[in-house]
N, C-alpha and C. Protein backbone atom coordinates (compact mmCIF):
# COMPACT_ATOMS: atom_id res chain seq x y z
N MET A 1 -25.54 -7.71 0.99
CA MET A 1 -24.29 -8.35 0.65
C MET A 1 -23.31 -7.29 0.19
N LYS A 2 -22.08 -7.42 0.62
CA LYS A 2 -21.04 -6.48 0.26
C LYS A 2 -19.97 -7.25 -0.51
N SER A 3 -19.53 -6.72 -1.64
CA SER A 3 -18.50 -7.37 -2.43
C SER A 3 -17.18 -6.62 -2.24
N ILE A 4 -16.14 -7.35 -1.85
CA ILE A 4 -14.82 -6.76 -1.62
C ILE A 4 -13.82 -7.49 -2.50
N GLU A 5 -13.03 -6.76 -3.26
CA GLU A 5 -12.01 -7.37 -4.10
C GLU A 5 -10.65 -7.11 -3.48
N LEU A 6 -9.90 -8.18 -3.23
CA LEU A 6 -8.58 -8.08 -2.62
C LEU A 6 -7.56 -8.79 -3.48
N THR A 7 -6.33 -8.35 -3.40
CA THR A 7 -5.22 -9.07 -4.01
C THR A 7 -4.36 -9.57 -2.87
N SER A 8 -4.04 -10.84 -2.90
CA SER A 8 -3.27 -11.41 -1.79
C SER A 8 -2.25 -12.39 -2.32
N HIS A 9 -1.47 -12.96 -1.42
CA HIS A 9 -0.39 -13.88 -1.79
C HIS A 9 -0.55 -15.17 -1.00
N VAL A 10 -0.45 -16.30 -1.70
CA VAL A 10 -0.46 -17.60 -1.03
C VAL A 10 0.98 -17.98 -0.79
N GLY A 11 1.34 -18.20 0.46
CA GLY A 11 2.71 -18.56 0.81
C GLY A 11 3.07 -19.97 0.38
N LYS A 12 4.35 -20.32 0.53
CA LYS A 12 4.82 -21.66 0.17
C LYS A 12 4.12 -22.74 0.98
N ASP A 13 3.60 -22.37 2.14
CA ASP A 13 2.89 -23.32 2.98
C ASP A 13 1.44 -23.52 2.54
N GLY A 14 1.01 -22.78 1.50
CA GLY A 14 -0.34 -22.91 0.99
C GLY A 14 -1.38 -22.14 1.77
N ILE A 15 -0.93 -21.29 2.68
CA ILE A 15 -1.87 -20.53 3.51
C ILE A 15 -2.13 -19.16 2.89
N LEU A 16 -3.40 -18.84 2.75
CA LEU A 16 -3.84 -17.54 2.26
C LEU A 16 -4.35 -16.75 3.45
N LYS A 17 -3.75 -15.61 3.72
CA LYS A 17 -4.19 -14.77 4.84
C LYS A 17 -4.99 -13.60 4.27
N ILE A 18 -6.15 -13.38 4.84
CA ILE A 18 -7.02 -12.30 4.39
C ILE A 18 -7.33 -11.40 5.57
N GLN A 19 -7.06 -10.11 5.42
CA GLN A 19 -7.43 -9.13 6.45
C GLN A 19 -8.67 -8.40 5.97
N MET A 20 -9.66 -8.39 6.81
CA MET A 20 -10.93 -7.75 6.47
C MET A 20 -10.90 -6.28 6.88
N PRO A 21 -11.69 -5.45 6.20
CA PRO A 21 -11.78 -4.04 6.60
C PRO A 21 -12.29 -3.92 8.04
N VAL A 22 -11.97 -2.83 8.68
CA VAL A 22 -12.30 -2.62 10.08
C VAL A 22 -13.80 -2.64 10.34
N ASP A 23 -14.61 -2.26 9.36
CA ASP A 23 -16.05 -2.22 9.60
C ASP A 23 -16.70 -3.60 9.61
N ILE A 24 -15.93 -4.65 9.31
CA ILE A 24 -16.47 -6.02 9.34
C ILE A 24 -15.77 -6.76 10.47
N THR A 25 -16.28 -6.59 11.68
CA THR A 25 -15.68 -7.26 12.84
C THR A 25 -16.77 -7.87 13.70
N ASP A 26 -16.38 -8.89 14.45
CA ASP A 26 -17.25 -9.52 15.44
C ASP A 26 -18.62 -9.89 14.87
N GLN A 27 -18.61 -10.57 13.69
CA GLN A 27 -19.85 -11.01 13.08
C GLN A 27 -19.60 -12.23 12.21
N GLU A 28 -20.63 -13.03 12.00
CA GLU A 28 -20.54 -14.19 11.13
C GLU A 28 -20.71 -13.72 9.69
N VAL A 29 -19.87 -14.23 8.78
CA VAL A 29 -19.97 -13.88 7.37
C VAL A 29 -19.77 -15.13 6.52
N ASP A 30 -20.36 -15.14 5.35
CA ASP A 30 -20.09 -16.18 4.36
C ASP A 30 -19.05 -15.60 3.42
N VAL A 31 -18.03 -16.39 3.13
CA VAL A 31 -16.93 -15.93 2.28
C VAL A 31 -16.85 -16.82 1.05
N VAL A 32 -16.76 -16.20 -0.12
CA VAL A 32 -16.59 -16.92 -1.38
C VAL A 32 -15.20 -16.58 -1.90
N VAL A 33 -14.40 -17.58 -2.19
CA VAL A 33 -13.05 -17.35 -2.69
C VAL A 33 -12.99 -17.79 -4.14
N VAL A 34 -12.59 -16.89 -5.02
CA VAL A 34 -12.37 -17.20 -6.42
C VAL A 34 -10.87 -17.11 -6.65
N VAL A 35 -10.26 -18.22 -7.03
CA VAL A 35 -8.81 -18.24 -7.24
C VAL A 35 -8.54 -17.95 -8.70
N GLN A 36 -7.84 -16.86 -8.95
CA GLN A 36 -7.46 -16.47 -10.30
C GLN A 36 -5.99 -16.14 -10.27
N PRO A 37 -5.14 -17.05 -10.78
CA PRO A 37 -3.70 -16.77 -10.76
C PRO A 37 -3.39 -15.46 -11.49
N ARG A 38 -2.48 -14.69 -10.92
CA ARG A 38 -2.09 -13.41 -11.49
C ARG A 38 -1.06 -13.68 -12.59
N LEU A 39 -1.27 -13.05 -13.74
CA LEU A 39 -0.30 -13.16 -14.82
C LEU A 39 0.96 -12.42 -14.42
N LYS A 40 2.10 -12.94 -14.80
CA LYS A 40 3.38 -12.31 -14.43
C LYS A 40 3.47 -10.88 -14.98
N SER A 41 2.79 -10.60 -16.09
CA SER A 41 2.87 -9.26 -16.68
C SER A 41 2.04 -8.24 -15.91
N GLU A 42 1.14 -8.72 -15.05
CA GLU A 42 0.31 -7.81 -14.26
C GLU A 42 1.01 -7.46 -12.97
N PRO A 43 1.28 -6.18 -12.70
CA PRO A 43 1.88 -5.84 -11.41
C PRO A 43 0.85 -5.98 -10.29
N ALA A 44 1.31 -6.38 -9.12
CA ALA A 44 0.42 -6.46 -7.96
C ALA A 44 -0.07 -5.06 -7.63
N ALA A 45 -1.24 -4.97 -7.02
CA ALA A 45 -1.86 -3.68 -6.73
C ALA A 45 -0.99 -2.79 -5.86
N ASP A 46 -0.14 -3.40 -5.03
CA ASP A 46 0.71 -2.59 -4.15
C ASP A 46 2.06 -2.26 -4.77
N MET A 47 2.28 -2.64 -6.02
CA MET A 47 3.54 -2.33 -6.69
C MET A 47 3.46 -0.94 -7.32
N PRO A 48 4.58 -0.21 -7.38
CA PRO A 48 4.56 1.14 -7.96
C PRO A 48 4.02 1.18 -9.39
N GLU A 49 4.30 0.14 -10.18
CA GLU A 49 3.84 0.12 -11.57
C GLU A 49 2.32 0.14 -11.64
N ALA A 50 1.66 -0.51 -10.68
CA ALA A 50 0.20 -0.54 -10.67
C ALA A 50 -0.37 0.82 -10.30
N ARG A 51 0.44 1.67 -9.72
CA ARG A 51 0.00 3.01 -9.32
C ARG A 51 0.43 4.08 -10.31
N GLY A 52 0.94 3.66 -11.47
CA GLY A 52 1.25 4.60 -12.53
C GLY A 52 2.71 5.01 -12.65
N TRP A 53 3.59 4.49 -11.78
CA TRP A 53 5.01 4.82 -11.87
C TRP A 53 5.68 3.94 -12.91
N LEU A 54 6.66 4.48 -13.61
CA LEU A 54 7.39 3.70 -14.60
C LEU A 54 8.20 2.62 -13.91
N PRO A 55 8.34 1.44 -14.54
CA PRO A 55 9.16 0.38 -13.93
C PRO A 55 10.59 0.87 -13.69
N GLY A 56 11.11 0.62 -12.50
CA GLY A 56 12.48 1.00 -12.15
C GLY A 56 12.67 2.45 -11.76
N PHE A 57 11.59 3.25 -11.72
CA PHE A 57 11.73 4.67 -11.41
C PHE A 57 12.42 4.91 -10.08
N PHE A 58 11.97 4.24 -9.03
CA PHE A 58 12.53 4.48 -7.70
C PHE A 58 13.96 3.96 -7.60
N GLU A 59 14.25 2.84 -8.25
CA GLU A 59 15.60 2.30 -8.23
C GLU A 59 16.59 3.26 -8.90
N LYS A 60 16.14 3.96 -9.94
CA LYS A 60 17.01 4.89 -10.66
C LYS A 60 17.14 6.23 -9.96
N THR A 61 16.11 6.67 -9.25
CA THR A 61 16.11 8.02 -8.71
C THR A 61 16.43 8.11 -7.22
N ALA A 62 16.13 7.09 -6.45
CA ALA A 62 16.38 7.14 -5.00
C ALA A 62 17.87 7.25 -4.74
N GLY A 63 18.27 8.30 -4.05
CA GLY A 63 19.68 8.51 -3.73
C GLY A 63 20.51 9.03 -4.88
N ALA A 64 19.87 9.52 -5.94
CA ALA A 64 20.59 9.94 -7.13
C ALA A 64 21.04 11.40 -7.08
N TRP A 65 20.65 12.18 -6.08
CA TRP A 65 21.01 13.59 -6.00
C TRP A 65 22.52 13.72 -5.90
N GLN A 66 23.14 14.50 -6.82
CA GLN A 66 24.58 14.65 -6.88
C GLN A 66 25.06 16.02 -6.41
N GLY A 67 24.14 16.95 -6.17
CA GLY A 67 24.51 18.32 -5.81
C GLY A 67 24.86 18.47 -4.34
N ASP A 68 24.84 19.74 -3.88
CA ASP A 68 25.10 20.02 -2.47
C ASP A 68 24.08 19.31 -1.60
N PRO A 69 24.49 18.93 -0.39
CA PRO A 69 23.53 18.27 0.50
C PRO A 69 22.32 19.18 0.75
N LEU A 70 21.16 18.57 0.75
CA LEU A 70 19.93 19.33 1.00
C LEU A 70 19.83 19.60 2.49
N THR A 71 19.52 20.84 2.84
CA THR A 71 19.37 21.21 4.25
C THR A 71 18.02 21.89 4.43
N ARG A 72 17.48 21.72 5.59
CA ARG A 72 16.21 22.36 5.92
C ARG A 72 16.48 23.43 6.96
N PRO A 73 16.11 24.67 6.66
CA PRO A 73 16.37 25.74 7.63
C PRO A 73 15.50 25.56 8.87
N PRO A 74 15.88 26.19 9.98
CA PRO A 74 15.06 26.10 11.20
C PRO A 74 13.63 26.56 10.90
N GLN A 75 12.67 25.88 11.51
CA GLN A 75 11.27 26.15 11.24
C GLN A 75 10.64 27.14 12.22
N GLY A 76 11.40 27.60 13.19
CA GLY A 76 10.85 28.55 14.15
C GLY A 76 10.06 27.84 15.23
N LYS A 77 9.37 28.62 16.05
CA LYS A 77 8.60 28.04 17.14
C LYS A 77 7.31 27.44 16.61
N TYR A 78 6.89 26.39 17.27
CA TYR A 78 5.65 25.71 16.92
C TYR A 78 4.46 26.59 17.29
N GLU A 79 3.55 26.75 16.35
CA GLU A 79 2.36 27.56 16.58
C GLU A 79 1.34 26.75 17.36
N ILE A 80 0.91 27.26 18.50
CA ILE A 80 -0.10 26.59 19.30
C ILE A 80 -1.47 27.05 18.82
N ARG A 81 -2.26 26.10 18.40
CA ARG A 81 -3.57 26.41 17.84
C ARG A 81 -4.67 26.01 18.81
N GLY A 82 -5.84 26.56 18.59
CA GLY A 82 -6.99 26.20 19.41
C GLY A 82 -7.40 24.76 19.18
N GLU A 83 -8.02 24.17 20.17
CA GLU A 83 -8.43 22.78 20.10
C GLU A 83 -9.63 22.63 19.17
N LEU A 84 -9.63 21.58 18.35
CA LEU A 84 -10.75 21.30 17.46
C LEU A 84 -11.88 20.66 18.25
N LYS A 85 -13.10 20.99 17.88
CA LYS A 85 -14.25 20.39 18.57
C LYS A 85 -15.13 19.67 17.60
């Protein structure tokens, strides 16, 4: 038995969509669903706050550069490397 913990969203239509990992395909499985409403104070796992970023960090910093436009110098010719085996 393999235990997988997922965070998902139930839409207004009441449908819960679950995507299984790629290694679980083309087989019969028994699924147990435990419904535990998420507290509003808990950020969803895919939110920046859940990954350690301060709330509002990206909103405050994205596009905030006030100096000269950033430019990337030419990178030269692409290095052709040997094929990996």
